[in-house]
Amino acid sequence: MAAITAIEAGPTVAGAFTAALTTLTSSDTITFNPGRKQLLVVRNPTGGTLNLNIDGADGTTVNVPGIGSVNVASGLTIAIPTLEVRAVVLSTISEYLKGVVTLTGASGCIVQMFNL
């Protein structure tokens, strides 16, 4: 299990900067910082669609206006087709990111997480 390190890309960063790539293993972690705008970018270089599951250990059930009770305990799964890229602004899925956040199911994908 590797901890994915966020890449600083906020307003204090000028011009080009290093943006390291990390290859996902069977289980990796990220640190969600609700005080920052964070962007998770995932590229699938493999020969088949992979399903990335993003799951905070403390996610349970949340009430969504107009929908009702939604269970977030199993995390959010994002399908990443072969040779494609998916990105998510983490604050938009914050209810899935309570506690230690684990990334599973997309071993071999290339990931970057930016603090904007």
PDB file of N, CA and C in Angstrom:
ATOM      1  N   MET A   1       0.848  -1.172   0.000  1.00  0.00           N
ATOM      2  CA  MET A   1       0.000   0.000   0.000  1.00  0.00           C
ATOM      3  C   MET A   1       0.892   1.233   0.000  1.00  0.00           C
ATOM      4  N   ALA A   2       0.703   2.066  -1.027  1.00  0.00           N
ATOM      5  CA  ALA A   2       1.476   3.293  -1.126  1.00  0.00           C
ATOM      6  C   ALA A   2       0.588   4.490  -0.834  1.00  0.00           C
ATOM      7  N   ALA A   3       1.174   5.498  -0.228  1.00  0.00           N
ATOM      8  CA  ALA A   3       0.464   6.755   0.012  1.00  0.00           C
ATOM      9  C   ALA A   3       0.763   7.680  -1.163  1.00  0.00           C
ATOM     10  N   ILE A   4      -0.278   8.090  -1.878  1.00  0.00           N
ATOM     11  CA  ILE A   4      -0.122   8.992  -3.013  1.00  0.00           C
ATOM     12  C   ILE A   4       0.087  10.404  -2.470  1.00  0.00           C
ATOM     13  N   THR A   5       1.168  11.041  -2.869  1.00  0.00           N
ATOM     14  CA  THR A   5       1.490  12.378  -2.402  1.00  0.00           C
ATOM     15  C   THR A   5       0.897  13.415  -3.348  1.00  0.00           C
ATOM     16  N   ALA A   6       0.223  14.411  -2.775  1.00  0.00           N
ATOM     17  CA  ALA A   6      -0.358  15.486  -3.580  1.00  0.00           C
ATOM     18  C   ALA A   6       0.753  16.363  -4.154  1.00  0.00           C
ATOM     19  N   ILE A   7       0.513  16.841  -5.368  1.00  0.00           N
ATOM     20  CA  ILE A   7       1.441  17.726  -6.067  1.00  0.00           C
ATOM     21  C   ILE A   7       0.945  19.156  -5.880  1.00  0.00           C
ATOM     22  N   GLU A   8       1.795  20.014  -5.352  1.00  0.00           N
ATOM     23  CA  GLU A   8       1.401  21.406  -5.124  1.00  0.00           C
ATOM     24  C   GLU A   8       1.349  22.142  -6.458  1.00  0.00           C
ATOM     25  N   ALA A   9       0.153  22.679  -6.788  1.00  0.00           N
ATOM     26  CA  ALA A   9      -0.040  23.390  -8.045  1.00  0.00           C
ATOM     27  C   ALA A   9      -0.881  24.641  -7.823  1.00  0.00           C
ATOM     28  N   GLY A  10      -0.867  25.143  -6.609  1.00  0.00           N
ATOM     29  CA  GLY A  10      -1.682  26.292  -6.235  1.00  0.00           C
ATOM     30  C   GLY A  10      -1.148  27.592  -6.782  1.00  0.00           C
ATOM     31  N   PRO A  11      -1.731  28.699  -6.333  1.00  0.00           N
ATOM     32  CA  PRO A  11      -1.393  30.017  -6.867  1.00  0.00           C
ATOM     33  C   PRO A  11       0.043  30.454  -6.606  1.00  0.00           C
ATOM     34  N   THR A  12       0.732  29.835  -5.681  1.00  0.00           N
ATOM     35  CA  THR A  12       2.124  30.216  -5.418  1.00  0.00           C
ATOM     36  C   THR A  12       3.105  29.539  -6.369  1.00  0.00           C
ATOM     37  N   VAL A  13       2.620  28.588  -7.178  1.00  0.00           N
ATOM     38  CA  VAL A  13       3.480  27.883  -8.130  1.00  0.00           C
ATOM     39  C   VAL A  13       3.405  28.615  -9.470  1.00  0.00           C
ATOM     40  N   ALA A  14       4.555  29.026  -9.963  1.00  0.00           N
ATOM     41  CA  ALA A  14       4.607  29.770 -11.226  1.00  0.00           C
ATOM     42  C   ALA A  14       5.316  28.949 -12.292  1.00  0.00           C
ATOM     43  N   GLY A  15       4.796  28.991 -13.504  1.00  0.00           N
ATOM     44  CA  GLY A  15       5.441  28.307 -14.614  1.00  0.00           C
ATOM     45  C   GLY A  15       5.358  26.797 -14.509  1.00  0.00           C
ATOM     46  N   ALA A  16       6.242  26.136 -15.214  1.00  0.00           N
ATOM     47  CA  ALA A  16       6.278  24.673 -15.243  1.00  0.00           C
ATOM     48  C   ALA A  16       6.768  24.130 -13.907  1.00  0.00           C
ATOM     49  N   PHE A  17       6.256  22.968 -13.528  1.00  0.00           N
ATOM     50  CA  PHE A  17       6.668  22.323 -12.284  1.00  0.00           C
ATOM     51  C   PHE A  17       6.653  20.817 -12.472  1.00  0.00           C
ATOM     52  N   THR A  18       7.361  20.125 -11.612  1.00  0.00           N
ATOM     53  CA  THR A  18       7.408  18.669 -11.665  1.00  0.00           C
ATOM     54  C   THR A  18       6.075  18.100 -11.199  1.00  0.00           C
ATOM     55  N   ALA A  19       5.563  17.135 -11.954  1.00  0.00           N
ATOM     56  CA  ALA A  19       4.294  16.494 -11.621  1.00  0.00           C
ATOM     57  C   ALA A  19       4.500  14.987 -11.713  1.00  0.00           C
ATOM     58  N   ALA A  20       4.984  14.414 -10.621  1.00  0.00           N
ATOM     59  CA  ALA A  20       5.335  12.993 -10.589  1.00  0.00           C
ATOM     60  C   ALA A  20       4.134  12.105 -10.877  1.00  0.00           C
ATOM     61  N   LEU A  21       4.414  10.989 -11.531  1.00  0.00           N
ATOM     62  CA  LEU A  21       3.410   9.967 -11.817  1.00  0.00           C
ATOM     63  C   LEU A  21       3.584   8.828 -10.817  1.00  0.00           C
ATOM     64  N   THR A  22       2.471   8.254 -10.383  1.00  0.00           N
ATOM     65  CA  THR A  22       2.509   7.098  -9.489  1.00  0.00           C
ATOM     66  C   THR A  22       1.659   6.002 -10.101  1.00  0.00           C
ATOM     67  N   THR A  23       2.168   4.784 -10.118  1.00  0.00           N
ATOM     68  CA  THR A  23       1.400   3.646 -10.608  1.00  0.00           C
ATOM     69  C   THR A  23       0.668   3.016  -9.429  1.00  0.00           C
ATOM     70  N   LEU A  24      -0.641   2.860  -9.580  1.00  0.00           N
ATOM     71  CA  LEU A  24      -1.438   2.275  -8.506  1.00  0.00           C
ATOM     72  C   LEU A  24      -1.123   0.795  -8.329  1.00  0.00           C
ATOM     73  N   THR A  25      -1.152   0.377  -7.075  1.00  0.00           N
ATOM     74  CA  THR A  25      -1.029  -1.038  -6.743  1.00  0.00           C
ATOM     75  C   THR A  25      -2.428  -1.537  -6.403  1.00  0.00           C
ATOM     76  N   SER A  26      -2.531  -2.677  -5.753  1.00  0.00           N
ATOM     77  CA  SER A  26      -3.854  -3.208  -5.420  1.00  0.00           C
ATOM     78  C   SER A  26      -4.570  -2.368  -4.374  1.00  0.00           C
ATOM     79  N   SER A  27      -3.814  -1.609  -3.560  1.00  0.00           N
ATOM     80  CA  SER A  27      -4.420  -0.771  -2.529  1.00  0.00           C
ATOM     81  C   SER A  27      -3.472   0.373  -2.191  1.00  0.00           C
ATOM     82  N   ASP A  28      -3.942   1.600  -2.412  1.00  0.00           N
ATOM     83  CA  ASP A  28      -3.150   2.799  -2.137  1.00  0.00           C
ATOM     84  C   ASP A  28      -4.021   3.786  -1.368  1.00  0.00           C
ATOM     85  N   THR A  29      -3.387   4.796  -0.767  1.00  0.00           N
ATOM     86  CA  THR A  29      -4.152   5.782  -0.002  1.00  0.00           C
ATOM     87  C   THR A  29      -3.857   7.191  -0.496  1.00  0.00           C
ATOM     88  N   ILE A  30      -4.838   8.077  -0.253  1.00  0.00           N
ATOM     89  CA  ILE A  30      -4.668   9.500  -0.489  1.00  0.00           C
ATOM     90  C   ILE A  30      -5.130  10.225   0.768  1.00  0.00           C
ATOM     91  N   THR A  31      -4.675  11.462   0.921  1.00  0.00           N
ATOM     92  CA  THR A  31      -5.138  12.297   2.028  1.00  0.00           C
ATOM     93  C   THR A  31      -6.010  13.393   1.449  1.00  0.00           C
ATOM     94  N   PHE A  32      -7.300  13.342   1.790  1.00  0.00           N
ATOM     95  CA  PHE A  32      -8.245  14.363   1.346  1.00  0.00           C
ATOM     96  C   PHE A  32      -8.142  15.545   2.289  1.00  0.00           C
ATOM     97  N   ASN A  33      -7.963  16.743   1.714  1.00  0.00           N
ATOM     98  CA  ASN A  33      -7.882  17.973   2.486  1.00  0.00           C
ATOM     99  C   ASN A  33      -9.056  18.857   2.077  1.00  0.00           C
ATOM    100  N   PRO A  34     -10.129  18.896   2.878  1.00  0.00           N
ATOM    101  CA  PRO A  34     -11.307  19.679   2.494  1.00  0.00           C
ATOM    102  C   PRO A  34     -11.044  21.186   2.410  1.00  0.00           C
ATOM    103  N   GLY A  35      -9.926  21.649   2.939  1.00  0.00           N
ATOM    104  CA  GLY A  35      -9.576  23.061   2.874  1.00  0.00           C
ATOM    105  C   GLY A  35      -8.890  23.454   1.580  1.00  0.00           C
ATOM    106  N   ARG A  36      -8.602  22.481   0.737  1.00  0.00           N
ATOM    107  CA  ARG A  36      -7.931  22.727  -0.545  1.00  0.00           C
ATOM    108  C   ARG A  36      -8.788  22.193  -1.681  1.00  0.00           C
ATOM    109  N   LYS A  37      -8.630  22.759  -2.858  1.00  0.00           N
ATOM    110  CA  LYS A  37      -9.244  22.184  -4.052  1.00  0.00           C
ATOM    111  C   LYS A  37      -8.252  21.144  -4.558  1.00  0.00           C
ATOM    112  N   GLN A  38      -8.689  19.892  -4.605  1.00  0.00           N
ATOM    113  CA  GLN A  38      -7.809  18.807  -5.019  1.00  0.00           C
ATOM    114  C   GLN A  38      -8.385  18.113  -6.247  1.00  0.00           C
ATOM    115  N   LEU A  39      -7.515  17.805  -7.191  1.00  0.00           N
ATOM    116  CA  LEU A  39      -7.899  17.137  -8.429  1.00  0.00           C
ATOM    117  C   LEU A  39      -7.152  15.814  -8.519  1.00  0.00           C
ATOM    118  N   LEU A  40      -7.900  14.718  -8.639  1.00  0.00           N
ATOM    119  CA  LEU A  40      -7.316  13.389  -8.824  1.00  0.00           C
ATOM    120  C   LEU A  40      -7.452  13.031 -10.294  1.00  0.00           C
ATOM    121  N   VAL A  41      -6.322  12.709 -10.941  1.00  0.00           N
ATOM    122  CA  VAL A  41      -6.301  12.364 -12.362  1.00  0.00           C
ATOM    123  C   VAL A  41      -5.782  10.936 -12.475  1.00  0.00           C
ATOM    124  N   VAL A  42      -6.540  10.090 -13.210  1.00  0.00           N
ATOM    125  CA  VAL A  42      -6.178   8.673 -13.329  1.00  0.00           C
ATOM    126  C   VAL A  42      -6.186   8.278 -14.802  1.00  0.00           C
ATOM    127  N   ARG A  43      -5.067   7.689 -15.261  1.00  0.00           N
ATOM    128  CA  ARG A  43      -4.931   7.233 -16.656  1.00  0.00           C
ATOM    129  C   ARG A  43      -4.795   5.722 -16.662  1.00  0.00           C
ATOM    130  N   ASN A  44      -5.494   5.074 -17.586  1.00  0.00           N
ATOM    131  CA  ASN A  44      -5.453   3.621 -17.692  1.00  0.00           C
ATOM    132  C   ASN A  44      -4.635   3.209 -18.913  1.00  0.00           C
ATOM    133  N   PRO A  45      -3.377   2.779 -18.718  1.00  0.00           N
ATOM    134  CA  PRO A  45      -2.554   2.353 -19.843  1.00  0.00           C
ATOM    135  C   PRO A  45      -2.692   0.860 -20.152  1.00  0.00           C
ATOM    136  N   THR A  46      -3.588   0.169 -19.436  1.00  0.00           N
ATOM    137  CA  THR A  46      -3.691  -1.287 -19.572  1.00  0.00           C
ATOM    138  C   THR A  46      -4.579  -1.678 -20.751  1.00  0.00           C
ATOM    139  N   GLY A  47      -4.717  -2.956 -20.963  1.00  0.00           N
ATOM    140  CA  GLY A  47      -5.482  -3.493 -22.086  1.00  0.00           C
ATOM    141  C   GLY A  47      -6.958  -3.699 -21.818  1.00  0.00           C
ATOM    142  N   GLY A  48      -7.478  -3.222 -20.709  1.00  0.00           N
ATOM    143  CA  GLY A  48      -8.902  -3.404 -20.426  1.00  0.00           C
ATOM    144  C   GLY A  48      -9.409  -2.335 -19.475  1.00  0.00           C
ATOM    145  N   THR A  49     -10.737  -2.192 -19.404  1.00  0.00           N
ATOM    146  CA  THR A  49     -11.346  -1.231 -18.493  1.00  0.00           C
ATOM    147  C   THR A  49     -11.051  -1.630 -17.046  1.00  0.00           C
ATOM    148  N   LEU A  50     -10.681  -0.652 -16.237  1.00  0.00           N
ATOM    149  CA  LEU A  50     -10.464  -0.872 -14.803  1.00  0.00           C
ATOM    150  C   LEU A  50     -11.442  -0.010 -14.021  1.00  0.00           C
ATOM    151  N   ASN A  51     -11.867  -0.520 -12.876  1.00  0.00           N
ATOM    152  CA  ASN A  51     -12.816   0.186 -12.025  1.00  0.00           C
ATOM    153  C   ASN A  51     -12.121   0.648 -10.756  1.00  0.00           C
ATOM    154  N   LEU A  52     -11.882   1.949 -10.663  1.00  0.00           N
ATOM    155  CA  LEU A  52     -11.246   2.540  -9.487  1.00  0.00           C
ATOM    156  C   LEU A  52     -12.295   2.757  -8.405  1.00  0.00           C
ATOM    157  N   ASN A  53     -12.058   2.208  -7.222  1.00  0.00           N
ATOM    158  CA  ASN A  53     -12.943   2.439  -6.087  1.00  0.00           C
ATOM    159  C   ASN A  53     -12.236   3.390  -5.134  1.00  0.00           C
ATOM    160  N   ILE A  54     -12.911   4.500  -4.801  1.00  0.00           N
ATOM    161  CA  ILE A  54     -12.399   5.495  -3.866  1.00  0.00           C
ATOM    162  C   ILE A  54     -13.257   5.396  -2.619  1.00  0.00           C
ATOM    163  N   ASP A  55     -12.650   4.984  -1.499  1.00  0.00           N
ATOM    164  CA  ASP A  55     -13.445   4.662  -0.315  1.00  0.00           C
ATOM    165  C   ASP A  55     -12.801   5.176   0.967  1.00  0.00           C
ATOM    166  N   GLY A  56     -13.503   6.084   1.636  1.00  0.00           N
ATOM    167  CA  GLY A  56     -13.086   6.545   2.949  1.00  0.00           C
ATOM    168  C   GLY A  56     -13.567   5.559   4.004  1.00  0.00           C
ATOM    169  N   ALA A  57     -12.721   5.242   4.952  1.00  0.00           N
ATOM    170  CA  ALA A  57     -13.031   4.220   5.956  1.00  0.00           C
ATOM    171  C   ALA A  57     -14.221   4.567   6.837  1.00  0.00           C
ATOM    172  N   ASP A  58     -14.538   5.867   6.986  1.00  0.00           N
ATOM    173  CA  ASP A  58     -15.610   6.279   7.891  1.00  0.00           C
ATOM    174  C   ASP A  58     -16.899   6.670   7.173  1.00  0.00           C
ATOM    175  N   GLY A  59     -17.003   6.397   5.877  1.00  0.00           N
ATOM    176  CA  GLY A  59     -18.219   6.716   5.134  1.00  0.00           C
ATOM    177  C   GLY A  59     -19.364   5.813   5.562  1.00  0.00           C
ATOM    178  N   THR A  60     -20.557   6.379   5.749  1.00  0.00           N
ATOM    179  CA  THR A  60     -21.723   5.587   6.156  1.00  0.00           C
ATOM    180  C   THR A  60     -22.902   5.939   5.262  1.00  0.00           C
ATOM    181  N   THR A  61     -23.896   6.558   5.822  1.00  0.00           N
ATOM    182  CA  THR A  61     -25.090   6.957   5.087  1.00  0.00           C
ATOM    183  C   THR A  61     -25.257   8.468   5.212  1.00  0.00           C
ATOM    184  N   VAL A  62     -25.590   9.134   4.112  1.00  0.00           N
ATOM    185  CA  VAL A  62     -25.803  10.582   4.131  1.00  0.00           C
ATOM    186  C   VAL A  62     -27.181  10.889   3.563  1.00  0.00           C
ATOM    187  N   ASN A  63     -27.755  11.998   4.009  1.00  0.00           N
ATOM    188  CA  ASN A  63     -29.037  12.441   3.503  1.00  0.00           C
ATOM    189  C   ASN A  63     -28.796  13.443   2.379  1.00  0.00           C
ATOM    190  N   VAL A  64     -29.313  13.147   1.195  1.00  0.00           N
ATOM    191  CA  VAL A  64     -29.161  14.022   0.039  1.00  0.00           C
ATOM    192  C   VAL A  64     -30.518  14.652  -0.259  1.00  0.00           C
ATOM    193  N   PRO A  65     -30.606  15.991  -0.183  1.00  0.00           N
ATOM    194  CA  PRO A  65     -31.879  16.648  -0.457  1.00  0.00           C
ATOM    195  C   PRO A  65     -32.452  16.234  -1.817  1.00  0.00           C
ATOM    196  N   GLY A  66     -33.725  15.904  -1.830  1.00  0.00           N
ATOM    197  CA  GLY A  66     -34.394  15.507  -3.059  1.00  0.00           C
ATOM    198  C   GLY A  66     -34.230  14.048  -3.421  1.00  0.00           C
ATOM    199  N   ILE A  67     -33.322  13.367  -2.736  1.00  0.00           N
ATOM    200  CA  ILE A  67     -33.087  11.945  -3.012  1.00  0.00           C
ATOM    201  C   ILE A  67     -33.376  11.108  -1.773  1.00  0.00           C
ATOM    202  N   GLY A  68     -32.891  11.583  -0.633  1.00  0.00           N
ATOM    203  CA  GLY A  68     -33.068  10.838   0.611  1.00  0.00           C
ATOM    204  C   GLY A  68     -31.760  10.232   1.072  1.00  0.00           C
ATOM    205  N   SER A  69     -31.852   9.113   1.735  1.00  0.00           N
ATOM    206  CA  SER A  69     -30.697   8.450   2.325  1.00  0.00           C
ATOM    207  C   SER A  69     -29.876   7.729   1.254  1.00  0.00           C
ATOM    208  N   VAL A  70     -28.558   8.013   1.231  1.00  0.00           N
ATOM    209  CA  VAL A  70     -27.644   7.385   0.272  1.00  0.00           C
ATOM    210  C   VAL A  70     -26.517   6.733   1.051  1.00  0.00           C
ATOM    211  N   ASN A  71     -26.269   5.470   0.776  1.00  0.00           N
ATOM    212  CA  ASN A  71     -25.200   4.731   1.443  1.00  0.00           C
ATOM    213  C   ASN A  71     -23.894   4.968   0.679  1.00  0.00           C
ATOM    214  N   VAL A  72     -22.892   5.531   1.373  1.00  0.00           N
ATOM    215  CA  VAL A  72     -21.583   5.783   0.759  1.00  0.00           C
ATOM    216  C   VAL A  72     -20.504   4.867   1.328  1.00  0.00           C
ATOM    217  N   ALA A  73     -20.930   3.885   2.119  1.00  0.00           N
ATOM    218  CA  ALA A  73     -19.984   3.024   2.829  1.00  0.00           C
ATOM    219  C   ALA A  73     -19.092   2.206   1.905  1.00  0.00           C
ATOM    220  N   SER A  74     -19.566   1.856   0.725  1.00  0.00           N
ATOM    221  CA  SER A  74     -18.756   1.028  -0.169  1.00  0.00           C
ATOM    222  C   SER A  74     -17.881   1.854  -1.106  1.00  0.00           C
ATOM    223  N   GLY A  75     -17.926   3.175  -0.966  1.00  0.00           N
ATOM    224  CA  GLY A  75     -17.092   4.041  -1.789  1.00  0.00           C
ATOM    225  C   GLY A  75     -17.720   4.360  -3.126  1.00  0.00           C
ATOM    226  N   LEU A  76     -16.981   5.097  -3.933  1.00  0.00           N
ATOM    227  CA  LEU A  76     -17.415   5.507  -5.263  1.00  0.00           C
ATOM    228  C   LEU A  76     -16.552   4.787  -6.287  1.00  0.00           C
ATOM    229  N   THR A  77     -17.178   4.143  -7.258  1.00  0.00           N
ATOM    230  CA  THR A  77     -16.441   3.441  -8.302  1.00  0.00           C
ATOM    231  C   THR A  77     -16.508   4.233  -9.601  1.00  0.00           C
ATOM    232  N   ILE A  78     -15.342   4.422 -10.213  1.00  0.00           N
ATOM    233  CA  ILE A  78     -15.227   5.146 -11.478  1.00  0.00           C
ATOM    234  C   ILE A  78     -14.617   4.201 -12.506  1.00  0.00           C
ATOM    235  N   ALA A  79     -15.341   3.942 -13.600  1.00  0.00           N
ATOM    236  CA  ALA A  79     -14.825   3.100 -14.681  1.00  0.00           C
ATOM    237  C   ALA A  79     -13.838   3.907 -15.520  1.00  0.00           C
ATOM    238  N   ILE A  80     -12.681   3.298 -15.786  1.00  0.00           N
ATOM    239  CA  ILE A  80     -11.652   3.956 -16.595  1.00  0.00           C
ATOM    240  C   ILE A  80     -11.340   3.034 -17.772  1.00  0.00           C
ATOM    241  N   PRO A  81     -11.889   3.331 -18.952  1.00  0.00           N
ATOM    242  CA  PRO A  81     -11.656   2.487 -20.120  1.00  0.00           C
ATOM    243  C   PRO A  81     -10.180   2.473 -20.539  1.00  0.00           C
ATOM    244  N   THR A  82      -9.819   1.473 -21.310  1.00  0.00           N
ATOM    245  CA  THR A  82      -8.471   1.326 -21.837  1.00  0.00           C
ATOM    246  C   THR A  82      -7.987   2.607 -22.501  1.00  0.00           C
ATOM    247  N   LEU A  83      -6.782   3.032 -22.147  1.00  0.00           N
ATOM    248  CA  LEU A  83      -6.092   4.181 -22.725  1.00  0.00           C
ATOM    249  C   LEU A  83      -6.833   5.508 -22.548  1.00  0.00           C
ATOM    250  N   GLU A  84      -7.725   5.585 -21.558  1.00  0.00           N
ATOM    251  CA  GLU A  84      -8.427   6.833 -21.295  1.00  0.00           C
ATOM    252  C   GLU A  84      -8.050   7.390 -19.937  1.00  0.00           C
ATOM    253  N   VAL A  85      -8.465   8.635 -19.699  1.00  0.00           N
ATOM    254  CA  VAL A  85      -8.165   9.350 -18.461  1.00  0.00           C
ATOM    255  C   VAL A  85      -9.477   9.799 -17.835  1.00  0.00           C
ATOM    256  N   ARG A  86      -9.553   9.704 -16.526  1.00  0.00           N
ATOM    257  CA  ARG A  86     -10.685  10.233 -15.766  1.00  0.00           C
ATOM    258  C   ARG A  86     -10.123  11.143 -14.680  1.00  0.00           C
ATOM    259  N   ALA A  87     -10.853  12.208 -14.365  1.00  0.00           N
ATOM    260  CA  ALA A  87     -10.434  13.133 -13.318  1.00  0.00           C
ATOM    261  C   ALA A  87     -11.634  13.453 -12.451  1.00  0.00           C
ATOM    262  N   VAL A  88     -11.368  13.730 -11.167  1.00  0.00           N
ATOM    263  CA  VAL A  88     -12.436  14.098 -10.246  1.00  0.00           C
ATOM    264  C   VAL A  88     -11.916  15.148  -9.274  1.00  0.00           C
ATOM    265  N   VAL A  89     -12.701  16.215  -9.102  1.00  0.00           N
ATOM    266  CA  VAL A  89     -12.415  17.209  -8.063  1.00  0.00           C
ATOM    267  C   VAL A  89     -12.917  16.587  -6.762  1.00  0.00           C
ATOM    268  N   LEU A  90     -12.015  16.326  -5.841  1.00  0.00           N
ATOM    269  CA  LEU A  90     -12.355  15.537  -4.652  1.00  0.00           C
ATOM    270  C   LEU A  90     -13.427  16.162  -3.775  1.00  0.00           C
ATOM    271  N   SER A  91     -13.514  17.486  -3.718  1.00  0.00           N
ATOM    272  CA  SER A  91     -14.543  18.113  -2.887  1.00  0.00           C
ATOM    273  C   SER A  91     -15.951  17.764  -3.360  1.00  0.00           C
ATOM    274  N   THR A  92     -16.111  17.386  -4.633  1.00  0.00           N
ATOM    275  CA  THR A  92     -17.433  17.040  -5.161  1.00  0.00           C
ATOM    276  C   THR A  92     -17.880  15.650  -4.726  1.00  0.00           C
ATOM    277  N   ILE A  93     -16.983  14.867  -4.163  1.00  0.00           N
ATOM    278  CA  ILE A  93     -17.336  13.534  -3.664  1.00  0.00           C
ATOM    279  C   ILE A  93     -16.933  13.391  -2.194  1.00  0.00           C
ATOM    280  N   SER A  94     -16.932  14.497  -1.470  1.00  0.00           N
ATOM    281  CA  SER A  94     -16.398  14.526  -0.101  1.00  0.00           C
ATOM    282  C   SER A  94     -17.068  13.545   0.853  1.00  0.00           C
ATOM    283  N   GLU A  95     -18.329  13.220   0.646  1.00  0.00           N
ATOM    284  CA  GLU A  95     -19.006  12.279   1.551  1.00  0.00           C
ATOM    285  C   GLU A  95     -18.408  10.872   1.461  1.00  0.00           C
ATOM    286  N   TYR A  96     -17.766  10.562   0.355  1.00  0.00           N
ATOM    287  CA  TYR A  96     -17.094   9.267   0.196  1.00  0.00           C
ATOM    288  C   TYR A  96     -15.697   9.264   0.805  1.00  0.00           C
ATOM    289  N   LEU A  97     -15.217  10.420   1.250  1.00  0.00           N
ATOM    290  CA  LEU A  97     -13.813  10.583   1.631  1.00  0.00           C
ATOM    291  C   LEU A  97     -13.598  10.784   3.122  1.00  0.00           C
ATOM    292  N   LYS A  98     -14.496  10.309   3.950  1.00  0.00           N
ATOM    293  CA  LYS A  98     -14.358  10.440   5.406  1.00  0.00           C
ATOM    294  C   LYS A  98     -13.381   9.382   5.915  1.00  0.00           C
ATOM    295  N   GLY A  99     -12.443   9.795   6.766  1.00  0.00           N
ATOM    296  CA  GLY A  99     -11.458   8.854   7.319  1.00  0.00           C
ATOM    297  C   GLY A  99     -10.338   8.570   6.334  1.00  0.00           C
ATOM    298  N   VAL A 100      -9.633   7.471   6.536  1.00  0.00           N
ATOM    299  CA  VAL A 100      -8.538   7.074   5.648  1.00  0.00           C
ATOM    300  C   VAL A 100      -9.134   6.698   4.295  1.00  0.00           C
ATOM    301  N   VAL A 101      -8.635   7.323   3.221  1.00  0.00           N
ATOM    302  CA  VAL A 101      -9.180   7.111   1.877  1.00  0.00           C
ATOM    303  C   VAL A 101      -8.283   6.131   1.122  1.00  0.00           C
ATOM    304  N   THR A 102      -8.901   5.045   0.663  1.00  0.00           N
ATOM    305  CA  THR A 102      -8.181   3.989  -0.040  1.00  0.00           C
ATOM    306  C   THR A 102      -8.622   3.924  -1.495  1.00  0.00           C
ATOM    307  N   LEU A 103      -7.650   3.734  -2.396  1.00  0.00           N
ATOM    308  CA  LEU A 103      -7.906   3.531  -3.818  1.00  0.00           C
ATOM    309  C   LEU A 103      -7.635   2.064  -4.130  1.00  0.00           C
ATOM    310  N   THR A 104      -8.634   1.375  -4.662  1.00  0.00           N
ATOM    311  CA  THR A 104      -8.471  -0.043  -5.007  1.00  0.00           C
ATOM    312  C   THR A 104      -9.095  -0.319  -6.379  1.00  0.00           C
ATOM    313  N   GLY A 105      -8.775  -1.476  -6.935  1.00  0.00           N
ATOM    314  CA  GLY A 105      -9.423  -1.957  -8.150  1.00  0.00           C
ATOM    315  C   GLY A 105      -8.842  -1.457  -9.449  1.00  0.00           C
ATOM    316  N   ALA A 106      -7.822  -0.631  -9.413  1.00  0.00           N
ATOM    317  CA  ALA A 106      -7.270  -0.077 -10.658  1.00  0.00           C
ATOM    318  C   ALA A 106      -5.756  -0.237 -10.700  1.00  0.00           C
ATOM    319  N   SER A 107      -5.287  -1.378 -10.253  1.00  0.00           N
ATOM    320  CA  SER A 107      -3.860  -1.657 -10.244  1.00  0.00           C
ATOM    321  C   SER A 107      -3.299  -1.515 -11.663  1.00  0.00           C
ATOM    322  N   GLY A 108      -2.226  -0.754 -11.797  1.00  0.00           N
ATOM    323  CA  GLY A 108      -1.601  -0.502 -13.085  1.00  0.00           C
ATOM    324  C   GLY A 108      -1.945   0.859 -13.670  1.00  0.00           C
ATOM    325  N   CYS A 109      -2.985   1.505 -13.148  1.00  0.00           N
ATOM    326  CA  CYS A 109      -3.318   2.863 -13.602  1.00  0.00           C
ATOM    327  C   CYS A 109      -2.270   3.849 -13.095  1.00  0.00           C
ATOM    328  N   ILE A 110      -2.123   4.920 -13.831  1.00  0.00           N
ATOM    329  CA  ILE A 110      -1.201   6.000 -13.473  1.00  0.00           C
ATOM    330  C   ILE A 110      -2.027   7.107 -12.838  1.00  0.00           C
ATOM    331  N   VAL A 111      -1.582   7.608 -11.676  1.00  0.00           N
ATOM    332  CA  VAL A 111      -2.367   8.587 -10.946  1.00  0.00           C
ATOM    333  C   VAL A 111      -1.522   9.804 -10.580  1.00  0.00           C
ATOM    334  N   GLN A 112      -2.202  10.954 -10.529  1.00  0.00           N
ATOM    335  CA  GLN A 112      -1.627  12.193 -10.006  1.00  0.00           C
ATOM    336  C   GLN A 112      -2.717  12.878  -9.199  1.00  0.00           C
ATOM    337  N   MET A 113      -2.341  13.474  -8.089  1.00  0.00           N
ATOM    338  CA  MET A 113      -3.280  14.242  -7.290  1.00  0.00           C
ATOM    339  C   MET A 113      -2.693  15.642  -7.113  1.00  0.00           C
ATOM    340  N   PHE A 114      -3.459  16.655  -7.526  1.00  0.00           N
ATOM    341  CA  PHE A 114      -2.991  18.028  -7.492  1.00  0.00           C
ATOM    342  C   PHE A 114      -3.727  18.822  -6.412  1.00  0.00           C
ATOM    343  N   ASN A 115      -2.979  19.602  -5.650  1.00  0.00           N
ATOM    344  CA  ASN A 115      -3.538  20.623  -4.762  1.00  0.00           C
ATOM    345  C   ASN A 115      -3.557  21.910  -5.572  1.00  0.00           C
ATOM    346  N   LEU A 116      -4.760  22.385  -5.877  1.00  0.00           N
ATOM    347  CA  LEU A 116      -4.890  23.585  -6.734  1.00  0.00           C
ATOM    348  C   LEU A 116      -5.080  24.839  -5.911  1.00  0.00           C
TER     349      LEU A 116
END
